Amino acid sequence: MENFLSEQQIQQYRIFHRKAKNKREADKIKTMLLLNKGYSYQQVAEILLLDDATIRRYMDIYQNQGLEALRADDYEGGACQLSAL
């Protein structure tokens, strides 16, 4: 899956990466840049210390919804499971 980004997109993504507010957003952008260079899903997962399924999920979001959806951080933590003693 090599060279799916234009030079203009690569430059824009590098700017987004520099301005990324958190590590997760930066990793998502790095994923697209590395896949564009021809790295495999497994290689990108090793480089970023993530699992292969996460890299594939990032690519799926990117292909179906675009970069803005990929950069969105909709993570909401779960409710506390501790009980008062």
PDB file of N, CA and C in Angstrom:
ATOM      1  N   MET A   1       0.851  -1.172   0.000  1.00  0.00           N
ATOM      2  CA  MET A   1       0.000   0.000   0.000  1.00  0.00           C
ATOM      3  C   MET A   1       0.901   1.241   0.000  1.00  0.00           C
ATOM      4  N   GLU A   2       1.653   1.372  -1.017  1.00  0.00           N
ATOM      5  CA  GLU A   2       2.661   2.416  -1.102  1.00  0.00           C
ATOM      6  C   GLU A   2       2.158   3.607  -1.911  1.00  0.00           C
ATOM      7  N   ASN A   3       2.590   4.789  -1.541  1.00  0.00           N
ATOM      8  CA  ASN A   3       2.343   6.030  -2.280  1.00  0.00           C
ATOM      9  C   ASN A   3       0.863   6.342  -2.516  1.00  0.00           C
ATOM     10  N   PHE A   4       0.071   6.313  -1.472  1.00  0.00           N
ATOM     11  CA  PHE A   4      -1.337   6.696  -1.607  1.00  0.00           C
ATOM     12  C   PHE A   4      -1.551   8.152  -1.210  1.00  0.00           C
ATOM     13  N   LEU A   5      -0.480   8.806  -0.718  1.00  0.00           N
ATOM     14  CA  LEU A   5      -0.555  10.218  -0.353  1.00  0.00           C
ATOM     15  C   LEU A   5       0.210  11.066  -1.364  1.00  0.00           C
ATOM     16  N   SER A   6      -0.312  12.235  -1.653  1.00  0.00           N
ATOM     17  CA  SER A   6       0.398  13.173  -2.530  1.00  0.00           C
ATOM     18  C   SER A   6       1.475  13.889  -1.708  1.00  0.00           C
ATOM     19  N   GLU A   7       2.400  14.549  -2.375  1.00  0.00           N
ATOM     20  CA  GLU A   7       3.436  15.310  -1.675  1.00  0.00           C
ATOM     21  C   GLU A   7       2.811  16.397  -0.800  1.00  0.00           C
ATOM     22  N   GLN A   8       1.759  17.016  -1.295  1.00  0.00           N
ATOM     23  CA  GLN A   8       1.074  18.056  -0.525  1.00  0.00           C
ATOM     24  C   GLN A   8       0.467  17.463   0.747  1.00  0.00           C
ATOM     25  N   GLN A   9      -0.145  16.286   0.629  1.00  0.00           N
ATOM     26  CA  GLN A   9      -0.723  15.631   1.808  1.00  0.00           C
ATOM     27  C   GLN A   9       0.365  15.267   2.807  1.00  0.00           C
ATOM     28  N   ILE A  10       1.495  14.764   2.323  1.00  0.00           N
ATOM     29  CA  ILE A  10       2.592  14.391   3.211  1.00  0.00           C
ATOM     30  C   ILE A  10       3.051  15.607   4.019  1.00  0.00           C
ATOM     31  N   GLN A  11       3.241  16.725   3.353  1.00  0.00           N
ATOM     32  CA  GLN A  11       3.663  17.945   4.049  1.00  0.00           C
ATOM     33  C   GLN A  11       2.618  18.395   5.059  1.00  0.00           C
ATOM     34  N   GLN A  12       1.350  18.324   4.677  1.00  0.00           N
ATOM     35  CA  GLN A  12       0.266  18.710   5.580  1.00  0.00           C
ATOM     36  C   GLN A  12       0.219  17.788   6.795  1.00  0.00           C
ATOM     37  N   TYR A  13       0.387  16.481   6.585  1.00  0.00           N
ATOM     38  CA  TYR A  13       0.337  15.521   7.685  1.00  0.00           C
ATOM     39  C   TYR A  13       1.504  15.732   8.642  1.00  0.00           C
ATOM     40  N   ARG A  14       2.658  16.116   8.113  1.00  0.00           N
ATOM     41  CA  ARG A  14       3.810  16.411   8.976  1.00  0.00           C
ATOM     42  C   ARG A  14       3.523  17.633   9.846  1.00  0.00           C
ATOM     43  N   ILE A  15       2.852  18.611   9.294  1.00  0.00           N
ATOM     44  CA  ILE A  15       2.460  19.780  10.081  1.00  0.00           C
ATOM     45  C   ILE A  15       1.473  19.364  11.174  1.00  0.00           C
ATOM     46  N   PHE A  16       0.478  18.560  10.802  1.00  0.00           N
ATOM     47  CA  PHE A  16      -0.484  18.055  11.790  1.00  0.00           C
ATOM     48  C   PHE A  16       0.248  17.289  12.890  1.00  0.00           C
ATOM     49  N   HIS A  17       1.248  16.485  12.511  1.00  0.00           N
ATOM     50  CA  HIS A  17       1.994  15.689  13.482  1.00  0.00           C
ATOM     51  C   HIS A  17       2.709  16.601  14.480  1.00  0.00           C
ATOM     52  N   ARG A  18       3.338  17.650  13.984  1.00  0.00           N
ATOM     53  CA  ARG A  18       4.045  18.583  14.873  1.00  0.00           C
ATOM     54  C   ARG A  18       3.094  19.276  15.838  1.00  0.00           C
ATOM     55  N   LYS A  19       1.862  19.490  15.396  1.00  0.00           N
ATOM     56  CA  LYS A  19       0.881  20.201  16.215  1.00  0.00           C
ATOM     57  C   LYS A  19      -0.025  19.257  17.006  1.00  0.00           C
ATOM     58  N   ALA A  20       0.219  17.966  16.911  1.00  0.00           N
ATOM     59  CA  ALA A  20      -0.641  16.982  17.580  1.00  0.00           C
ATOM     60  C   ALA A  20      -0.694  17.242  19.078  1.00  0.00           C
ATOM     61  N   LYS A  21      -1.887  17.167  19.633  1.00  0.00           N
ATOM     62  CA  LYS A  21      -2.095  17.465  21.045  1.00  0.00           C
ATOM     63  C   LYS A  21      -1.792  16.282  21.956  1.00  0.00           C
ATOM     64  N   ASN A  22      -1.860  15.095  21.425  1.00  0.00           N
ATOM     65  CA  ASN A  22      -1.584  13.928  22.257  1.00  0.00           C
ATOM     66  C   ASN A  22      -0.884  12.834  21.447  1.00  0.00           C
ATOM     67  N   LYS A  23      -0.348  11.859  22.148  1.00  0.00           N
ATOM     68  CA  LYS A  23       0.420  10.790  21.530  1.00  0.00           C
ATOM     69  C   LYS A  23      -0.427   9.954  20.571  1.00  0.00           C
ATOM     70  N   ARG A  24      -1.664   9.691  20.928  1.00  0.00           N
ATOM     71  CA  ARG A  24      -2.523   8.856  20.091  1.00  0.00           C
ATOM     72  C   ARG A  24      -2.752   9.500  18.721  1.00  0.00           C
ATOM     73  N   GLU A  25      -3.007  10.796  18.705  1.00  0.00           N
ATOM     74  CA  GLU A  25      -3.199  11.503  17.441  1.00  0.00           C
ATOM     75  C   GLU A  25      -1.908  11.465  16.614  1.00  0.00           C
ATOM     76  N   ALA A  26      -0.767  11.684  17.262  1.00  0.00           N
ATOM     77  CA  ALA A  26       0.518  11.642  16.565  1.00  0.00           C
ATOM     78  C   ALA A  26       0.778  10.260  15.979  1.00  0.00           C
ATOM     79  N   ASP A  27       0.464   9.204  16.726  1.00  0.00           N
ATOM     80  CA  ASP A  27       0.665   7.837  16.231  1.00  0.00           C
ATOM     81  C   ASP A  27      -0.207   7.546  15.011  1.00  0.00           C
ATOM     82  N   LYS A  28      -1.416   8.058  15.002  1.00  0.00           N
ATOM     83  CA  LYS A  28      -2.313   7.841  13.861  1.00  0.00           C
ATOM     84  C   LYS A  28      -1.746   8.498  12.602  1.00  0.00           C
ATOM     85  N   ILE A  29      -1.210   9.691  12.746  1.00  0.00           N
ATOM     86  CA  ILE A  29      -0.626  10.388  11.599  1.00  0.00           C
ATOM     87  C   ILE A  29       0.642   9.678  11.142  1.00  0.00           C
ATOM     88  N   LYS A  30       1.487   9.267  12.101  1.00  0.00           N
ATOM     89  CA  LYS A  30       2.708   8.523  11.747  1.00  0.00           C
ATOM     90  C   LYS A  30       2.359   7.218  11.038  1.00  0.00           C
ATOM     91  N   THR A  31       1.262   6.589  11.437  1.00  0.00           N
ATOM     92  CA  THR A  31       0.828   5.357  10.780  1.00  0.00           C
ATOM     93  C   THR A  31       0.609   5.580   9.290  1.00  0.00           C
ATOM     94  N   MET A  32      -0.113   6.644   8.956  1.00  0.00           N
ATOM     95  CA  MET A  32      -0.385   6.924   7.536  1.00  0.00           C
ATOM     96  C   MET A  32       0.906   7.242   6.776  1.00  0.00           C
ATOM     97  N   LEU A  33       1.790   8.006   7.385  1.00  0.00           N
ATOM     98  CA  LEU A  33       3.042   8.355   6.720  1.00  0.00           C
ATOM     99  C   LEU A  33       3.925   7.125   6.496  1.00  0.00           C
ATOM    100  N   LEU A  34       3.989   6.235   7.478  1.00  0.00           N
ATOM    101  CA  LEU A  34       4.804   5.028   7.342  1.00  0.00           C
ATOM    102  C   LEU A  34       4.218   4.052   6.330  1.00  0.00           C
ATOM    103  N   LEU A  35       2.897   3.870   6.355  1.00  0.00           N
ATOM    104  CA  LEU A  35       2.264   2.989   5.368  1.00  0.00           C
ATOM    105  C   LEU A  35       2.463   3.539   3.958  1.00  0.00           C
ATOM    106  N   ASN A  36       2.415   4.845   3.828  1.00  0.00           N
ATOM    107  CA  ASN A  36       2.631   5.478   2.533  1.00  0.00           C
ATOM    108  C   ASN A  36       4.045   5.205   2.005  1.00  0.00           C
ATOM    109  N   LYS A  37       5.007   5.086   2.912  1.00  0.00           N
ATOM    110  CA  LYS A  37       6.390   4.807   2.513  1.00  0.00           C
ATOM    111  C   LYS A  37       6.596   3.344   2.123  1.00  0.00           C
ATOM    112  N   GLY A  38       5.603   2.515   2.363  1.00  0.00           N
ATOM    113  CA  GLY A  38       5.716   1.114   1.965  1.00  0.00           C
ATOM    114  C   GLY A  38       5.959   0.139   3.098  1.00  0.00           C
ATOM    115  N   TYR A  39       5.963   0.620   4.331  1.00  0.00           N
ATOM    116  CA  TYR A  39       6.110  -0.283   5.467  1.00  0.00           C
ATOM    117  C   TYR A  39       4.846  -1.145   5.575  1.00  0.00           C
ATOM    118  N   SER A  40       5.018  -2.368   6.045  1.00  0.00           N
ATOM    119  CA  SER A  40       3.875  -3.260   6.233  1.00  0.00           C
ATOM    120  C   SER A  40       3.153  -2.899   7.532  1.00  0.00           C
ATOM    121  N   TYR A  41       1.953  -3.425   7.702  1.00  0.00           N
ATOM    122  CA  TYR A  41       1.205  -3.202   8.934  1.00  0.00           C
ATOM    123  C   TYR A  41       2.026  -3.678  10.132  1.00  0.00           C
ATOM    124  N   GLN A  42       2.634  -4.838  10.010  1.00  0.00           N
ATOM    125  CA  GLN A  42       3.417  -5.405  11.099  1.00  0.00           C
ATOM    126  C   GLN A  42       4.636  -4.533  11.421  1.00  0.00           C
ATOM    127  N   GLN A  43       5.306  -4.024  10.410  1.00  0.00           N
ATOM    128  CA  GLN A  43       6.460  -3.163  10.629  1.00  0.00           C
ATOM    129  C   GLN A  43       6.051  -1.870  11.327  1.00  0.00           C
ATOM    130  N   VAL A  44       4.954  -1.275  10.891  1.00  0.00           N
ATOM    131  CA  VAL A  44       4.468  -0.044  11.522  1.00  0.00           C
ATOM    132  C   VAL A  44       4.093  -0.322  12.978  1.00  0.00           C
ATOM    133  N   ALA A  45       3.448  -1.454  13.217  1.00  0.00           N
ATOM    134  CA  ALA A  45       3.078  -1.816  14.590  1.00  0.00           C
ATOM    135  C   ALA A  45       4.323  -1.937  15.464  1.00  0.00           C
ATOM    136  N   GLU A  46       5.376  -2.548  14.957  1.00  0.00           N
ATOM    137  CA  GLU A  46       6.617  -2.669  15.720  1.00  0.00           C
ATOM    138  C   GLU A  46       7.255  -1.309  15.968  1.00  0.00           C
ATOM    139  N   ILE A  47       7.294  -0.467  14.954  1.00  0.00           N
ATOM    140  CA  ILE A  47       7.912   0.852  15.081  1.00  0.00           C
ATOM    141  C   ILE A  47       7.193   1.686  16.134  1.00  0.00           C
ATOM    142  N   LEU A  48       5.870   1.671  16.108  1.00  0.00           N
ATOM    143  CA  LEU A  48       5.074   2.518  17.000  1.00  0.00           C
ATOM    144  C   LEU A  48       4.698   1.835  18.315  1.00  0.00           C
ATOM    145  N   LEU A  49       5.143   0.586  18.487  1.00  0.00           N
ATOM    146  CA  LEU A  49       4.837  -0.187  19.691  1.00  0.00           C
ATOM    147  C   LEU A  49       3.333  -0.346  19.899  1.00  0.00           C
ATOM    148  N   LEU A  50       2.635  -0.618  18.809  1.00  0.00           N
ATOM    149  CA  LEU A  50       1.203  -0.884  18.825  1.00  0.00           C
ATOM    150  C   LEU A  50       0.971  -2.281  18.274  1.00  0.00           C
ATOM    151  N   ASP A  51      -0.253  -2.763  18.332  1.00  0.00           N
ATOM    152  CA  ASP A  51      -0.524  -4.067  17.742  1.00  0.00           C
ATOM    153  C   ASP A  51      -1.016  -3.909  16.306  1.00  0.00           C
ATOM    154  N   ASP A  52      -0.873  -4.981  15.547  1.00  0.00           N
ATOM    155  CA  ASP A  52      -1.219  -5.011  14.128  1.00  0.00           C
ATOM    156  C   ASP A  52      -2.679  -4.626  13.900  1.00  0.00           C
ATOM    157  N   ALA A  53      -3.574  -5.093  14.765  1.00  0.00           N
ATOM    158  CA  ALA A  53      -5.005  -4.802  14.610  1.00  0.00           C
ATOM    159  C   ALA A  53      -5.287  -3.305  14.738  1.00  0.00           C
ATOM    160  N   THR A  54      -4.554  -2.622  15.598  1.00  0.00           N
ATOM    161  CA  THR A  54      -4.733  -1.173  15.758  1.00  0.00           C
ATOM    162  C   THR A  54      -4.335  -0.451  14.476  1.00  0.00           C
ATOM    163  N   ILE A  55      -3.218  -0.860  13.888  1.00  0.00           N
ATOM    164  CA  ILE A  55      -2.751  -0.238  12.652  1.00  0.00           C
ATOM    165  C   ILE A  55      -3.784  -0.456  11.544  1.00  0.00           C
ATOM    166  N   ARG A  56      -4.312  -1.657  11.456  1.00  0.00           N
ATOM    167  CA  ARG A  56      -5.329  -1.955  10.436  1.00  0.00           C
ATOM    168  C   ARG A  56      -6.604  -1.134  10.676  1.00  0.00           C
ATOM    169  N   ARG A  57      -6.967  -0.967  11.948  1.00  0.00           N
ATOM    170  CA  ARG A  57      -8.157  -0.166  12.282  1.00  0.00           C
ATOM    171  C   ARG A  57      -7.946   1.291  11.892  1.00  0.00           C
ATOM    172  N   TYR A  58      -6.755   1.825  12.158  1.00  0.00           N
ATOM    173  CA  TYR A  58      -6.444   3.195  11.758  1.00  0.00           C
ATOM    174  C   TYR A  58      -6.579   3.357  10.246  1.00  0.00           C
ATOM    175  N   MET A  59      -6.052   2.389   9.499  1.00  0.00           N
ATOM    176  CA  MET A  59      -6.111   2.479   8.042  1.00  0.00           C
ATOM    177  C   MET A  59      -7.556   2.375   7.559  1.00  0.00           C
ATOM    178  N   ASP A  60      -8.332   1.524   8.175  1.00  0.00           N
ATOM    179  CA  ASP A  60      -9.739   1.372   7.802  1.00  0.00           C
ATOM    180  C   ASP A  60     -10.496   2.689   8.029  1.00  0.00           C
ATOM    181  N   ILE A  61     -10.285   3.311   9.166  1.00  0.00           N
ATOM    182  CA  ILE A  61     -10.928   4.596   9.444  1.00  0.00           C
ATOM    183  C   ILE A  61     -10.490   5.621   8.411  1.00  0.00           C
ATOM    184  N   TYR A  62      -9.190   5.665   8.119  1.00  0.00           N
ATOM    185  CA  TYR A  62      -8.666   6.634   7.157  1.00  0.00           C
ATOM    186  C   TYR A  62      -9.292   6.432   5.772  1.00  0.00           C
ATOM    187  N   GLN A  63      -9.350   5.179   5.316  1.00  0.00           N
ATOM    188  CA  GLN A  63      -9.888   4.895   3.985  1.00  0.00           C
ATOM    189  C   GLN A  63     -11.376   5.193   3.882  1.00  0.00           C
ATOM    190  N   ASN A  64     -12.124   4.921   4.940  1.00  0.00           N
ATOM    191  CA  ASN A  64     -13.580   5.079   4.890  1.00  0.00           C
ATOM    192  C   ASN A  64     -14.083   6.460   5.301  1.00  0.00           C
ATOM    193  N   GLN A  65     -13.322   7.149   6.181  1.00  0.00           N
ATOM    194  CA  GLN A  65     -13.832   8.400   6.722  1.00  0.00           C
ATOM    195  C   GLN A  65     -12.883   9.573   6.581  1.00  0.00           C
ATOM    196  N   GLY A  66     -11.619   9.321   6.254  1.00  0.00           N
ATOM    197  CA  GLY A  66     -10.667  10.402   6.045  1.00  0.00           C
ATOM    198  C   GLY A  66      -9.837  10.742   7.267  1.00  0.00           C
ATOM    199  N   LEU A  67      -8.923  11.675   7.068  1.00  0.00           N
ATOM    200  CA  LEU A  67      -7.972  12.044   8.114  1.00  0.00           C
ATOM    201  C   LEU A  67      -8.643  12.697   9.316  1.00  0.00           C
ATOM    202  N   GLU A  68      -9.620  13.539   9.106  1.00  0.00           N
ATOM    203  CA  GLU A  68     -10.261  14.214  10.232  1.00  0.00           C
ATOM    204  C   GLU A  68     -10.901  13.209  11.188  1.00  0.00           C
ATOM    205  N   ALA A  69     -11.545  12.195  10.649  1.00  0.00           N
ATOM    206  CA  ALA A  69     -12.139  11.159  11.502  1.00  0.00           C
ATOM    207  C   ALA A  69     -11.053  10.376  12.224  1.00  0.00           C
ATOM    208  N   LEU A  70      -9.950  10.133  11.543  1.00  0.00           N
ATOM    209  CA  LEU A  70      -8.845   9.406  12.163  1.00  0.00           C
ATOM    210  C   LEU A  70      -8.241  10.217  13.308  1.00  0.00           C
ATOM    211  N   ARG A  71      -8.087  11.507  13.111  1.00  0.00           N
ATOM    212  CA  ARG A  71      -7.483  12.365  14.128  1.00  0.00           C
ATOM    213  C   ARG A  71      -8.401  12.601  15.323  1.00  0.00           C
ATOM    214  N   ALA A  72      -9.700  12.424  15.145  1.00  0.00           N
ATOM    215  CA  ALA A  72     -10.657  12.649  16.233  1.00  0.00           C
ATOM    216  C   ALA A  72     -10.377  11.687  17.378  1.00  0.00           C
ATOM    217  N   ASP A  73     -10.480  12.192  18.578  1.00  0.00           N
ATOM    218  CA  ASP A  73     -10.256  11.354  19.758  1.00  0.00           C
ATOM    219  C   ASP A  73     -11.566  11.267  20.524  1.00  0.00           C
ATOM    220  N   ASP A  74     -12.319  10.234  20.226  1.00  0.00           N
ATOM    221  CA  ASP A  74     -13.630  10.056  20.843  1.00  0.00           C
ATOM    222  C   ASP A  74     -13.591   9.102  22.026  1.00  0.00           C
ATOM    223  N   TYR A  75     -12.385   8.856  22.531  1.00  0.00           N
ATOM    224  CA  TYR A  75     -12.242   7.902  23.622  1.00  0.00           C
ATOM    225  C   TYR A  75     -12.921   8.420  24.882  1.00  0.00           C
ATOM    226  N   GLU A  76     -13.740   7.575  25.470  1.00  0.00           N
ATOM    227  CA  GLU A  76     -14.372   7.876  26.740  1.00  0.00           C
ATOM    228  C   GLU A  76     -14.084   6.716  27.674  1.00  0.00           C
ATOM    229  N   GLY A  77     -13.519   6.998  28.797  1.00  0.00           N
ATOM    230  CA  GLY A  77     -13.206   5.950  29.761  1.00  0.00           C
ATOM    231  C   GLY A  77     -14.470   5.325  30.323  1.00  0.00           C
ATOM    232  N   GLY A  78     -14.335   4.140  30.827  1.00  0.00           N
ATOM    233  CA  GLY A  78     -15.466   3.435  31.417  1.00  0.00           C
ATOM    234  C   GLY A  78     -15.748   3.901  32.831  1.00  0.00           C
ATOM    235  N   ALA A  79     -16.861   3.493  33.351  1.00  0.00           N
ATOM    236  CA  ALA A  79     -17.253   3.837  34.713  1.00  0.00           C
ATOM    237  C   ALA A  79     -16.376   3.081  35.696  1.00  0.00           C
ATOM    238  N   CYS A  80     -16.133   3.667  36.805  1.00  0.00           N
ATOM    239  CA  CYS A  80     -15.337   3.063  37.853  1.00  0.00           C
ATOM    240  C   CYS A  80     -16.040   1.811  38.382  1.00  0.00           C
ATOM    241  N   GLN A  81     -15.292   0.749  38.539  1.00  0.00           N
ATOM    242  CA  GLN A  81     -15.871  -0.506  39.009  1.00  0.00           C
ATOM    243  C   GLN A  81     -15.595  -0.737  40.500  1.00  0.00           C
ATOM    244  N   LEU A  82     -14.959   0.206  41.160  1.00  0.00           N
ATOM    245  CA  LEU A  82     -14.657   0.039  42.580  1.00  0.00           C
ATOM    246  C   LEU A  82     -15.882   0.370  43.404  1.00  0.00           C
ATOM    247  N   SER A  83     -16.008  -0.314  44.493  1.00  0.00           N
ATOM    248  CA  SER A  83     -17.133  -0.040  45.396  1.00  0.00           C
ATOM    249  C   SER A  83     -16.591   0.557  46.696  1.00  0.00           C
ATOM    250  N   ALA A  84     -17.424   1.320  47.371  1.00  0.00           N
ATOM    251  CA  ALA A  84     -17.028   1.904  48.653  1.00  0.00           C
ATOM    252  C   ALA A  84     -17.039   0.800  49.702  1.00  0.00           C
ATOM    253  N   LEU A  85     -16.039   0.818  50.577  1.00  0.00           N
ATOM    254  CA  LEU A  85     -15.977  -0.206  51.635  1.00  0.00           C
ATOM    255  C   LEU A  85     -16.694   0.214  52.862  1.00  0.00           C
TER     256      LEU A  85
END
